[in-house]
Amino acid sequence: MGFTNICFELWLLLHFESIKGGPLDKNQLYRKLERHLQTDNYEKSKGNWDLIEKVAVNFRTAVKHNKKLLKQQNDKFTNPFSNIHEIIEEIESL
């Protein structure tokens, strides 16, 4: 099962950058996504297909960044955490 801690947007952010350090909050994640996606308000635009495409094309980068994150920290109860890359790799292996 895929899991992210603090929220799913952590997985989306991994499409653009590697995560280092301690806990993140939702607002920090949203601000970073706004910068990468070049939008003023991620909350209002997160269903926009153009933005989804900008994220989706970087899924291999997200897998790489997610693996690095797990090497630093692999406790799902600690923020930040994601294992979504495992689902992606499982799908790719089919």
N, C-alpha and C. Protein backbone atom coordinates (compact mmCIF):
# COMPACT_ATOMS: atom_id res chain seq x y z
N MET A 1 0.84 -1.16 0.00
CA MET A 1 0.00 0.00 0.00
C MET A 1 0.90 1.24 0.00
N GLY A 2 0.49 2.24 -0.78
CA GLY A 2 1.22 3.49 -0.82
C GLY A 2 0.79 4.42 0.31
N PHE A 3 1.76 5.11 0.85
CA PHE A 3 1.49 6.00 1.99
C PHE A 3 2.42 7.20 1.92
N THR A 4 1.89 8.36 2.23
CA THR A 4 2.71 9.55 2.36
C THR A 4 2.40 10.22 3.69
N ASN A 5 3.41 10.80 4.28
CA ASN A 5 3.24 11.55 5.52
C ASN A 5 3.97 12.89 5.31
N ILE A 6 3.38 13.86 5.07
CA ILE A 6 2.31 14.58 5.70
C ILE A 6 1.06 14.55 4.82
N CYS A 7 1.20 14.60 3.54
CA CYS A 7 0.07 14.54 2.63
C CYS A 7 0.55 14.11 1.25
N PHE A 8 -0.39 13.81 0.37
CA PHE A 8 -0.06 13.31 -0.96
C PHE A 8 0.82 14.28 -1.74
N GLU A 9 0.71 15.56 -1.46
CA GLU A 9 1.53 16.55 -2.18
C GLU A 9 3.02 16.33 -1.98
N LEU A 10 3.40 15.63 -0.93
CA LEU A 10 4.82 15.27 -0.77
C LEU A 10 5.28 14.45 -1.98
N TRP A 11 4.48 13.47 -2.39
CA TRP A 11 4.82 12.67 -3.56
C TRP A 11 4.92 13.56 -4.80
N LEU A 12 4.00 14.51 -4.94
CA LEU A 12 4.05 15.41 -6.10
C LEU A 12 5.32 16.25 -6.08
N LEU A 13 5.70 16.74 -4.92
CA LEU A 13 6.91 17.56 -4.82
C LEU A 13 8.16 16.76 -5.19
N LEU A 14 8.16 15.47 -4.89
CA LEU A 14 9.29 14.62 -5.24
C LEU A 14 9.50 14.54 -6.76
N HIS A 15 8.53 14.92 -7.53
CA HIS A 15 8.68 14.97 -8.99
C HIS A 15 9.62 16.10 -9.42
N PHE A 16 9.87 17.04 -8.51
CA PHE A 16 10.67 18.22 -8.84
C PHE A 16 11.94 18.38 -8.01
N GLU A 17 11.91 17.89 -6.79
CA GLU A 17 13.08 18.09 -5.93
C GLU A 17 13.22 16.98 -4.91
N SER A 18 14.43 16.82 -4.46
CA SER A 18 14.74 15.88 -3.41
C SER A 18 14.41 16.54 -2.07
N ILE A 19 13.91 15.77 -1.14
CA ILE A 19 13.53 16.30 0.17
C ILE A 19 14.60 15.92 1.18
N LYS A 20 15.07 16.92 1.91
CA LYS A 20 16.05 16.69 2.96
C LYS A 20 15.56 17.35 4.23
N GLY A 21 15.95 16.79 5.33
CA GLY A 21 15.66 17.46 6.59
C GLY A 21 14.38 17.01 7.25
N GLY A 22 13.99 17.83 8.20
CA GLY A 22 12.90 17.49 9.09
C GLY A 22 11.51 17.70 8.54
N PRO A 23 10.58 17.78 9.43
CA PRO A 23 9.16 17.83 9.06
C PRO A 23 8.82 19.00 8.15
N LEU A 24 7.85 18.73 7.28
CA LEU A 24 7.27 19.75 6.41
C LEU A 24 5.81 19.90 6.77
N ASP A 25 5.27 21.07 6.55
CA ASP A 25 3.82 21.21 6.70
C ASP A 25 3.19 21.42 5.33
N LYS A 26 1.89 21.28 5.30
CA LYS A 26 1.15 21.37 4.03
C LYS A 26 1.40 22.69 3.32
N ASN A 27 1.46 23.78 4.05
CA ASN A 27 1.67 25.09 3.44
C ASN A 27 3.04 25.18 2.77
N GLN A 28 4.07 24.61 3.40
CA GLN A 28 5.40 24.59 2.78
C GLN A 28 5.35 23.80 1.47
N LEU A 29 4.70 22.65 1.49
CA LEU A 29 4.60 21.83 0.29
C LEU A 29 3.86 22.58 -0.82
N TYR A 30 2.76 23.23 -0.46
CA TYR A 30 1.99 23.97 -1.46
C TYR A 30 2.81 25.11 -2.07
N ARG A 31 3.55 25.84 -1.24
CA ARG A 31 4.37 26.94 -1.77
C ARG A 31 5.44 26.42 -2.74
N LYS A 32 6.06 25.31 -2.38
CA LYS A 32 7.07 24.73 -3.27
C LYS A 32 6.44 24.26 -4.57
N LEU A 33 5.28 23.63 -4.49
CA LEU A 33 4.60 23.19 -5.71
C LEU A 33 4.18 24.38 -6.56
N GLU A 34 3.73 25.45 -5.94
CA GLU A 34 3.37 26.66 -6.70
C GLU A 34 4.56 27.19 -7.48
N ARG A 35 5.72 27.15 -6.87
CA ARG A 35 6.93 27.62 -7.56
C ARG A 35 7.26 26.71 -8.75
N HIS A 36 7.24 25.41 -8.53
CA HIS A 36 7.58 24.47 -9.60
C HIS A 36 6.54 24.46 -10.72
N LEU A 37 5.28 24.61 -10.34
CA LEU A 37 4.20 24.54 -11.32
C LEU A 37 3.82 25.90 -11.88
N GLN A 38 4.46 26.92 -11.38
CA GLN A 38 4.23 28.30 -11.83
C GLN A 38 2.74 28.68 -11.76
N THR A 39 2.20 28.49 -10.57
CA THR A 39 0.82 28.86 -10.31
C THR A 39 0.77 29.67 -9.02
N ASP A 40 -0.19 30.55 -8.93
CA ASP A 40 -0.31 31.40 -7.75
C ASP A 40 -1.01 30.73 -6.58
N ASN A 41 -1.85 29.72 -6.89
CA ASN A 41 -2.62 29.10 -5.83
C ASN A 41 -2.81 27.61 -6.13
N TYR A 42 -1.93 26.79 -5.59
CA TYR A 42 -2.00 25.35 -5.84
C TYR A 42 -3.34 24.78 -5.38
N GLU A 43 -3.80 25.20 -4.24
CA GLU A 43 -5.06 24.67 -3.68
C GLU A 43 -6.21 24.80 -4.68
N LYS A 44 -6.30 25.93 -5.36
CA LYS A 44 -7.40 26.15 -6.31
C LYS A 44 -7.14 25.54 -7.67
N SER A 45 -5.89 25.23 -7.99
CA SER A 45 -5.59 24.75 -9.35
C SER A 45 -5.13 23.30 -9.39
N LYS A 46 -5.22 22.57 -8.28
CA LYS A 46 -4.65 21.23 -8.26
C LYS A 46 -5.36 20.22 -9.15
N GLY A 47 -6.53 20.51 -9.67
CA GLY A 47 -7.20 19.62 -10.61
C GLY A 47 -6.97 19.99 -12.07
N ASN A 48 -6.15 20.99 -12.30
CA ASN A 48 -5.88 21.48 -13.66
C ASN A 48 -5.03 20.47 -14.42
N TRP A 49 -5.52 20.03 -15.58
CA TRP A 49 -4.82 19.00 -16.36
C TRP A 49 -3.44 19.44 -16.82
N ASP A 50 -3.27 20.71 -17.12
CA ASP A 50 -1.94 21.19 -17.53
C ASP A 50 -0.94 21.03 -16.40
N LEU A 51 -1.36 21.30 -15.18
CA LEU A 51 -0.47 21.12 -14.03
C LEU A 51 -0.20 19.64 -13.76
N ILE A 52 -1.22 18.83 -13.91
CA ILE A 52 -1.04 17.38 -13.71
C ILE A 52 -0.03 16.84 -14.71
N GLU A 53 -0.09 17.32 -15.94
CA GLU A 53 0.87 16.88 -16.95
C GLU A 53 2.29 17.28 -16.59
N LYS A 54 2.47 18.49 -16.05
CA LYS A 54 3.80 18.95 -15.63
C LYS A 54 4.38 18.03 -14.55
N VAL A 55 3.51 17.51 -13.71
CA VAL A 55 3.96 16.59 -12.66
C VAL A 55 4.24 15.22 -13.26
N ALA A 56 3.30 14.71 -14.02
CA ALA A 56 3.36 13.32 -14.50
C ALA A 56 4.61 13.03 -15.34
N VAL A 57 5.05 13.97 -16.13
CA VAL A 57 6.21 13.71 -17.00
C VAL A 57 7.49 13.48 -16.19
N ASN A 58 7.49 13.84 -14.92
CA ASN A 58 8.67 13.70 -14.07
C ASN A 58 8.59 12.50 -13.12
N PHE A 59 7.76 11.50 -13.44
CA PHE A 59 7.56 10.42 -12.47
C PHE A 59 8.84 9.63 -12.20
N ARG A 60 9.74 9.51 -13.16
CA ARG A 60 10.99 8.77 -12.90
C ARG A 60 11.88 9.56 -11.92
N THR A 61 11.86 10.86 -12.02
CA THR A 61 12.59 11.70 -11.06
C THR A 61 12.00 11.51 -9.66
N ALA A 62 10.67 11.45 -9.58
CA ALA A 62 10.02 11.25 -8.29
C ALA A 62 10.42 9.92 -7.67
N VAL A 63 10.50 8.88 -8.47
CA VAL A 63 10.91 7.57 -7.95
C VAL A 63 12.33 7.66 -7.38
N LYS A 64 13.23 8.30 -8.12
CA LYS A 64 14.62 8.46 -7.67
C LYS A 64 14.67 9.25 -6.37
N HIS A 65 13.95 10.37 -6.30
CA HIS A 65 13.94 11.19 -5.09
C HIS A 65 13.30 10.45 -3.92
N ASN A 66 12.27 9.66 -4.21
CA ASN A 66 11.60 8.91 -3.14
C ASN A 66 12.54 7.88 -2.53
N LYS A 67 13.33 7.21 -3.36
CA LYS A 67 14.30 6.24 -2.84
C LYS A 67 15.32 6.92 -1.94
N LYS A 68 15.79 8.11 -2.34
CA LYS A 68 16.74 8.87 -1.50
C LYS A 68 16.10 9.23 -0.17
N LEU A 69 14.84 9.64 -0.21
CA LEU A 69 14.14 10.00 1.02
C LEU A 69 14.06 8.81 1.97
N LEU A 70 13.76 7.63 1.45
CA LEU A 70 13.66 6.45 2.30
C LEU A 70 15.00 6.04 2.90
N LYS A 71 16.09 6.33 2.21
CA LYS A 71 17.41 6.04 2.78
C LYS A 71 17.69 6.92 3.99
N GLN A 72 17.16 8.15 3.96
CA GLN A 72 17.34 9.08 5.08
C GLN A 72 16.41 8.75 6.23
N GLN A 73 15.20 8.31 5.88
CA GLN A 73 14.15 8.18 6.89
C GLN A 73 13.11 7.20 6.36
N ASN A 74 12.91 6.08 7.05
CA ASN A 74 11.96 5.10 6.54
C ASN A 74 10.85 4.73 7.52
N ASP A 75 10.58 5.59 8.47
CA ASP A 75 9.49 5.37 9.42
C ASP A 75 8.25 6.10 8.92
N LYS A 76 7.21 5.34 8.56
CA LYS A 76 6.02 5.97 7.97
C LYS A 76 5.29 6.91 8.92
N PHE A 77 5.60 6.84 10.18
CA PHE A 77 4.96 7.73 11.15
C PHE A 77 5.73 9.04 11.34
N THR A 78 6.85 9.17 10.64
CA THR A 78 7.67 10.37 10.74
C THR A 78 7.54 11.18 9.45
N ASN A 79 7.33 12.45 9.59
CA ASN A 79 7.20 13.39 8.48
C ASN A 79 8.60 13.88 8.12
N PRO A 80 9.03 13.83 6.87
CA PRO A 80 8.32 13.36 5.67
C PRO A 80 8.57 11.87 5.40
N PHE A 81 7.57 11.23 4.82
CA PHE A 81 7.68 9.83 4.41
C PHE A 81 6.82 9.60 3.18
N SER A 82 7.33 8.79 2.28
CA SER A 82 6.55 8.33 1.12
C SER A 82 7.11 7.00 0.66
N ASN A 83 6.22 6.10 0.28
CA ASN A 83 6.64 4.87 -0.38
C ASN A 83 5.89 4.66 -1.70
N ILE A 84 5.36 5.72 -2.24
CA ILE A 84 4.58 5.64 -3.48
C ILE A 84 5.41 5.07 -4.62
N HIS A 85 6.72 5.30 -4.59
CA HIS A 85 7.57 4.78 -5.67
C HIS A 85 7.46 3.26 -5.79
N GLU A 86 7.18 2.57 -4.68
CA GLU A 86 7.07 1.13 -4.72
C GLU A 86 5.88 0.69 -5.59
N ILE A 87 4.80 1.42 -5.52
CA ILE A 87 3.63 1.13 -6.36
C ILE A 87 3.97 1.37 -7.83
N ILE A 88 4.63 2.48 -8.10
CA ILE A 88 5.02 2.80 -9.48
C ILE A 88 5.92 1.71 -10.04
N GLU A 89 6.90 1.28 -9.27
CA GLU A 89 7.81 0.23 -9.75
C GLU A 89 7.08 -1.09 -9.94
N GLU A 90 6.12 -1.39 -9.09
CA GLU A 90 5.34 -2.61 -9.24
C GLU A 90 4.51 -2.56 -10.54
N ILE A 91 3.89 -1.44 -10.81
CA ILE A 91 3.12 -1.28 -12.04
C ILE A 91 4.02 -1.42 -13.26
N GLU A 92 5.19 -0.79 -13.21
CA GLU A 92 6.11 -0.88 -14.34
C GLU A 92 6.60 -2.30 -14.58
N SER A 93 6.65 -3.14 -13.55
CA SER A 93 7.16 -4.50 -13.70
C SER A 93 6.13 -5.46 -14.32
N LEU A 94 4.89 -5.02 -14.42
CA LEU A 94 3.83 -5.91 -14.97
C LEU A 94 3.98 -6.09 -16.47
